[in-house]
Amino acid sequence: MKSVFISESAKKRLHEIAGTQKNFVFRVHVDSGGCAGFQYKFFVDKEKKSDDVLFDYSFGTLVIDPVSLEIINGSTVDYVENMMGACFTLSNPKASSSCGCGSSFSI
């Protein structure tokens, strides 16, 4: 079974976004690039694609394309705030290494 988990801090931030955005989906995507080979992309989207895999949560819907889901299956989306700023991150058990900023990885 395919699964992606959402941390409590990510849920809280997505609830805040849901209060300002109507009819959105939160998309997680894996793209080639970054200093380690792949990079995570997180964004609010207005539409679902026909091949998206949907995960329903209390804030709304998380959508992931099938190729990205194969790479991040079993991962946890988090939202962190620190001196460098605030952002969504992903803890991926399949990643063999990642860059210092945590936005790119290799498998």
N, C-alpha and C. Protein backbone atom coordinates (compact mmCIF):
# COMPACT_ATOMS: atom_id res chain seq x y z
N MET A 1 0.84 -1.19 0.00
CA MET A 1 0.00 0.00 0.00
C MET A 1 0.88 1.24 0.00
N LYS A 2 0.52 2.21 -0.80
CA LYS A 2 1.25 3.46 -0.89
C LYS A 2 0.80 4.40 0.21
N SER A 3 1.78 5.06 0.83
CA SER A 3 1.41 6.01 1.89
C SER A 3 2.45 7.11 2.00
N VAL A 4 1.97 8.28 2.35
CA VAL A 4 2.80 9.43 2.69
C VAL A 4 2.18 10.02 3.94
N PHE A 5 3.00 10.29 4.92
CA PHE A 5 2.52 10.77 6.21
C PHE A 5 2.71 12.29 6.32
N ILE A 6 1.92 12.92 7.15
CA ILE A 6 1.98 14.36 7.36
C ILE A 6 2.21 14.61 8.85
N SER A 7 3.26 15.33 9.20
CA SER A 7 3.54 15.64 10.60
C SER A 7 2.49 16.63 11.14
N GLU A 8 2.43 16.73 12.45
CA GLU A 8 1.49 17.67 13.07
C GLU A 8 1.78 19.11 12.68
N SER A 9 3.07 19.48 12.60
CA SER A 9 3.39 20.86 12.23
C SER A 9 3.01 21.14 10.77
N ALA A 10 3.16 20.15 9.88
CA ALA A 10 2.74 20.32 8.49
C ALA A 10 1.22 20.42 8.40
N LYS A 11 0.50 19.61 9.17
CA LYS A 11 -0.96 19.70 9.18
C LYS A 11 -1.41 21.08 9.64
N LYS A 12 -0.77 21.58 10.69
CA LYS A 12 -1.13 22.91 11.21
C LYS A 12 -0.93 23.97 10.14
N ARG A 13 0.21 23.95 9.44
CA ARG A 13 0.48 24.94 8.39
C ARG A 13 -0.49 24.78 7.23
N LEU A 14 -0.82 23.56 6.87
CA LEU A 14 -1.76 23.35 5.77
C LEU A 14 -3.17 23.79 6.14
N HIS A 15 -3.54 23.66 7.41
CA HIS A 15 -4.83 24.20 7.87
C HIS A 15 -4.83 25.71 7.73
N GLU A 16 -3.70 26.37 8.04
CA GLU A 16 -3.60 27.82 7.88
C GLU A 16 -3.75 28.21 6.41
N ILE A 17 -3.11 27.47 5.53
CA ILE A 17 -3.22 27.74 4.09
C ILE A 17 -4.66 27.53 3.64
N ALA A 18 -5.30 26.48 4.15
CA ALA A 18 -6.69 26.20 3.78
C ALA A 18 -7.62 27.34 4.18
N GLY A 19 -7.25 28.08 5.24
CA GLY A 19 -8.06 29.22 5.66
C GLY A 19 -7.99 30.40 4.71
N THR A 20 -6.95 30.44 3.86
CA THR A 20 -6.80 31.55 2.93
C THR A 20 -7.00 31.13 1.47
N GLN A 21 -6.91 29.87 1.19
CA GLN A 21 -7.08 29.35 -0.18
C GLN A 21 -8.35 28.50 -0.24
N LYS A 22 -9.05 28.60 -1.31
CA LYS A 22 -10.24 27.77 -1.49
C LYS A 22 -10.00 26.77 -2.61
N ASN A 23 -10.49 25.58 -2.42
CA ASN A 23 -10.43 24.53 -3.44
C ASN A 23 -9.01 24.29 -3.96
N PHE A 24 -8.11 24.01 -3.05
CA PHE A 24 -6.73 23.73 -3.45
C PHE A 24 -6.37 22.30 -3.11
N VAL A 25 -5.32 21.83 -3.74
CA VAL A 25 -4.69 20.57 -3.36
C VAL A 25 -3.23 20.89 -3.06
N PHE A 26 -2.65 20.16 -2.15
CA PHE A 26 -1.24 20.33 -1.83
C PHE A 26 -0.48 19.26 -2.59
N ARG A 27 0.39 19.70 -3.48
CA ARG A 27 1.10 18.78 -4.36
C ARG A 27 2.54 18.60 -3.89
N VAL A 28 2.97 17.34 -3.84
CA VAL A 28 4.36 16.99 -3.59
C VAL A 28 4.87 16.32 -4.85
N HIS A 29 6.02 16.80 -5.33
CA HIS A 29 6.57 16.31 -6.59
C HIS A 29 8.07 16.12 -6.44
N VAL A 30 8.60 15.12 -7.10
CA VAL A 30 10.05 14.89 -7.15
C VAL A 30 10.51 15.25 -8.55
N ASP A 31 11.54 16.09 -8.62
CA ASP A 31 12.08 16.55 -9.89
C ASP A 31 13.56 16.22 -9.95
N SER A 32 14.10 16.03 -11.13
CA SER A 32 15.54 15.83 -11.22
C SER A 32 16.22 17.18 -11.03
N GLY A 33 17.41 17.14 -10.45
CA GLY A 33 18.15 18.38 -10.22
C GLY A 33 18.61 18.49 -8.79
N GLY A 34 19.02 19.68 -8.42
CA GLY A 34 19.56 19.88 -7.09
C GLY A 34 20.98 19.35 -7.01
N CYS A 35 21.63 19.59 -5.92
CA CYS A 35 23.04 19.20 -5.81
C CYS A 35 23.22 17.71 -5.54
N ALA A 36 22.15 16.98 -5.22
CA ALA A 36 22.28 15.55 -4.93
C ALA A 36 21.59 14.65 -5.96
N GLY A 37 20.96 15.22 -6.98
CA GLY A 37 20.36 14.40 -8.03
C GLY A 37 18.87 14.57 -8.21
N PHE A 38 18.12 14.59 -7.11
CA PHE A 38 16.67 14.81 -7.14
C PHE A 38 16.35 15.92 -6.15
N GLN A 39 15.20 16.57 -6.36
CA GLN A 39 14.76 17.57 -5.39
C GLN A 39 13.25 17.49 -5.18
N TYR A 40 12.84 17.84 -3.97
CA TYR A 40 11.43 17.84 -3.62
C TYR A 40 10.83 19.18 -3.99
N LYS A 41 9.60 19.15 -4.47
CA LYS A 41 8.85 20.36 -4.77
C LYS A 41 7.52 20.26 -4.03
N PHE A 42 7.16 21.34 -3.35
CA PHE A 42 5.89 21.41 -2.62
C PHE A 42 5.16 22.65 -3.12
N PHE A 43 3.90 22.50 -3.49
CA PHE A 43 3.16 23.68 -3.88
C PHE A 43 1.66 23.48 -3.83
N VAL A 44 0.96 24.60 -3.72
CA VAL A 44 -0.49 24.62 -3.74
C VAL A 44 -0.89 24.61 -5.21
N ASP A 45 -1.80 23.73 -5.55
CA ASP A 45 -2.25 23.59 -6.93
C ASP A 45 -3.77 23.73 -6.95
N LYS A 46 -4.29 24.17 -8.06
CA LYS A 46 -5.73 24.34 -8.19
C LYS A 46 -6.43 23.14 -8.81
N GLU A 47 -5.65 22.24 -9.38
CA GLU A 47 -6.31 21.11 -10.05
C GLU A 47 -5.56 19.80 -9.83
N LYS A 48 -6.32 18.74 -9.93
CA LYS A 48 -5.77 17.38 -9.87
C LYS A 48 -5.60 16.89 -11.30
N LYS A 49 -4.60 16.08 -11.51
CA LYS A 49 -4.40 15.47 -12.82
C LYS A 49 -5.00 14.07 -12.80
N SER A 50 -5.33 13.56 -13.95
CA SER A 50 -6.06 12.28 -14.02
C SER A 50 -5.28 11.12 -13.42
N ASP A 51 -3.94 11.17 -13.45
CA ASP A 51 -3.17 10.05 -12.90
C ASP A 51 -2.65 10.29 -11.49
N ASP A 52 -3.01 11.41 -10.87
CA ASP A 52 -2.56 11.70 -9.51
C ASP A 52 -3.09 10.67 -8.52
N VAL A 53 -2.28 10.39 -7.52
CA VAL A 53 -2.72 9.57 -6.39
C VAL A 53 -3.14 10.56 -5.31
N LEU A 54 -4.34 10.35 -4.76
CA LEU A 54 -4.92 11.30 -3.81
C LEU A 54 -4.88 10.74 -2.40
N PHE A 55 -4.52 11.60 -1.45
CA PHE A 55 -4.56 11.27 -0.03
C PHE A 55 -5.40 12.35 0.65
N ASP A 56 -6.49 11.96 1.27
CA ASP A 56 -7.36 12.93 1.93
C ASP A 56 -6.98 13.08 3.39
N TYR A 57 -6.81 14.33 3.80
CA TYR A 57 -6.48 14.68 5.18
C TYR A 57 -7.46 15.75 5.64
N SER A 58 -7.40 16.09 6.92
CA SER A 58 -8.33 17.07 7.47
C SER A 58 -8.17 18.45 6.84
N PHE A 59 -6.99 18.80 6.35
CA PHE A 59 -6.77 20.11 5.72
C PHE A 59 -7.25 20.14 4.28
N GLY A 60 -7.37 18.97 3.67
CA GLY A 60 -7.72 18.89 2.26
C GLY A 60 -7.06 17.68 1.63
N THR A 61 -6.64 17.82 0.39
CA THR A 61 -6.11 16.69 -0.36
C THR A 61 -4.63 16.88 -0.69
N LEU A 62 -3.86 15.84 -0.43
CA LEU A 62 -2.47 15.77 -0.84
C LEU A 62 -2.45 15.00 -2.15
N VAL A 63 -1.79 15.52 -3.17
CA VAL A 63 -1.72 14.83 -4.46
C VAL A 63 -0.26 14.60 -4.85
N ILE A 64 -0.02 13.44 -5.41
CA ILE A 64 1.33 13.06 -5.83
C ILE A 64 1.21 12.29 -7.14
N ASP A 65 2.05 12.64 -8.09
CA ASP A 65 2.04 11.89 -9.35
C ASP A 65 2.64 10.50 -9.09
N PRO A 66 2.28 9.50 -9.89
CA PRO A 66 2.72 8.12 -9.63
C PRO A 66 4.24 7.93 -9.60
N VAL A 67 4.98 8.62 -10.45
CA VAL A 67 6.44 8.46 -10.47
C VAL A 67 7.04 9.00 -9.17
N SER A 68 6.60 10.18 -8.74
CA SER A 68 7.10 10.75 -7.48
C SER A 68 6.73 9.86 -6.30
N LEU A 69 5.53 9.30 -6.33
CA LEU A 69 5.10 8.45 -5.22
C LEU A 69 5.98 7.23 -5.07
N GLU A 70 6.43 6.65 -6.17
CA GLU A 70 7.34 5.51 -6.08
C GLU A 70 8.61 5.88 -5.32
N ILE A 71 9.08 7.10 -5.51
CA ILE A 71 10.32 7.55 -4.89
C ILE A 71 10.12 7.94 -3.42
N ILE A 72 8.95 8.51 -3.08
CA ILE A 72 8.74 9.01 -1.71
C ILE A 72 7.78 8.18 -0.88
N ASN A 73 7.35 7.03 -1.39
CA ASN A 73 6.45 6.18 -0.63
C ASN A 73 7.03 5.90 0.77
N GLY A 74 6.22 6.08 1.79
CA GLY A 74 6.65 5.84 3.16
C GLY A 74 7.30 7.06 3.82
N SER A 75 7.35 8.17 3.11
CA SER A 75 7.98 9.38 3.63
C SER A 75 7.03 10.19 4.50
N THR A 76 7.59 11.17 5.21
CA THR A 76 6.80 12.07 6.04
C THR A 76 7.06 13.51 5.61
N VAL A 77 5.99 14.23 5.33
CA VAL A 77 6.06 15.66 5.03
C VAL A 77 6.04 16.40 6.36
N ASP A 78 6.96 17.34 6.53
CA ASP A 78 7.04 18.13 7.76
C ASP A 78 7.09 19.60 7.38
N TYR A 79 6.83 20.46 8.35
CA TYR A 79 6.97 21.90 8.17
C TYR A 79 7.86 22.38 9.30
N VAL A 80 8.98 23.00 8.94
CA VAL A 80 9.94 23.44 9.95
C VAL A 80 10.15 24.94 9.87
N GLU A 81 10.33 25.53 11.04
CA GLU A 81 10.66 26.94 11.15
C GLU A 81 11.95 27.03 11.94
N ASN A 82 12.94 27.76 11.38
CA ASN A 82 14.20 27.95 12.08
C ASN A 82 14.79 29.30 11.68
N MET A 83 16.03 29.55 12.05
CA MET A 83 16.66 30.83 11.74
C MET A 83 16.80 31.07 10.24
N MET A 84 16.82 30.01 9.47
CA MET A 84 16.96 30.13 8.01
C MET A 84 15.63 30.44 7.32
N GLY A 85 14.53 30.29 8.04
CA GLY A 85 13.20 30.53 7.47
C GLY A 85 12.25 29.40 7.81
N ALA A 86 11.21 29.29 7.02
CA ALA A 86 10.21 28.26 7.23
C ALA A 86 9.94 27.57 5.90
N CYS A 87 9.79 26.24 5.94
CA CYS A 87 9.54 25.52 4.69
C CYS A 87 9.02 24.11 4.99
N PHE A 88 8.42 23.52 3.96
CA PHE A 88 8.06 22.12 4.02
C PHE A 88 9.30 21.30 3.72
N THR A 89 9.44 20.17 4.39
CA THR A 89 10.54 19.25 4.15
C THR A 89 9.97 17.84 4.02
N LEU A 90 10.79 16.92 3.60
CA LEU A 90 10.34 15.55 3.47
C LEU A 90 11.41 14.62 4.03
N SER A 91 11.00 13.74 4.91
CA SER A 91 11.89 12.72 5.45
C SER A 91 11.63 11.44 4.66
N ASN A 92 12.61 11.07 3.83
CA ASN A 92 12.43 9.97 2.90
C ASN A 92 13.31 8.79 3.30
N PRO A 93 12.72 7.67 3.72
CA PRO A 93 13.53 6.52 4.11
C PRO A 93 14.29 5.89 2.95
N LYS A 94 13.93 6.20 1.72
CA LYS A 94 14.62 5.64 0.55
C LYS A 94 15.84 6.46 0.14
N ALA A 95 15.97 7.69 0.66
CA ALA A 95 17.10 8.54 0.27
C ALA A 95 18.39 8.01 0.88
N SER A 96 19.39 7.82 0.04
CA SER A 96 20.68 7.32 0.54
C SER A 96 21.57 8.46 1.00
N SER A 97 21.34 9.66 0.48
CA SER A 97 22.07 10.84 0.93
C SER A 97 21.27 12.07 0.56
N SER A 98 21.58 13.19 1.21
CA SER A 98 20.91 14.44 0.89
C SER A 98 21.90 15.58 1.03
N CYS A 99 21.55 16.71 0.47
CA CYS A 99 22.42 17.88 0.57
C CYS A 99 22.26 18.51 1.95
N GLY A 100 23.07 19.48 2.25
CA GLY A 100 23.04 20.14 3.55
C GLY A 100 21.73 20.84 3.85
N CYS A 101 21.09 21.39 2.82
CA CYS A 101 19.84 22.13 3.07
C CYS A 101 18.64 21.20 3.13
N GLY A 102 18.79 19.94 2.72
CA GLY A 102 17.72 18.96 2.82
C GLY A 102 16.71 19.01 1.68
N SER A 103 16.93 19.87 0.68
CA SER A 103 15.94 19.95 -0.40
C SER A 103 16.26 19.04 -1.57
N SER A 104 17.47 18.50 -1.63
CA SER A 104 17.77 17.55 -2.69
C SER A 104 18.36 16.27 -2.08
N PHE A 105 18.28 15.19 -2.85
CA PHE A 105 18.65 13.88 -2.32
C PHE A 105 19.03 12.94 -3.44
N SER A 106 19.61 11.82 -3.09
CA SER A 106 19.87 10.76 -4.05
C SER A 106 19.32 9.46 -3.48
N ILE A 107 19.04 8.51 -4.38
CA ILE A 107 18.51 7.21 -3.94
C ILE A 107 19.40 6.11 -4.48
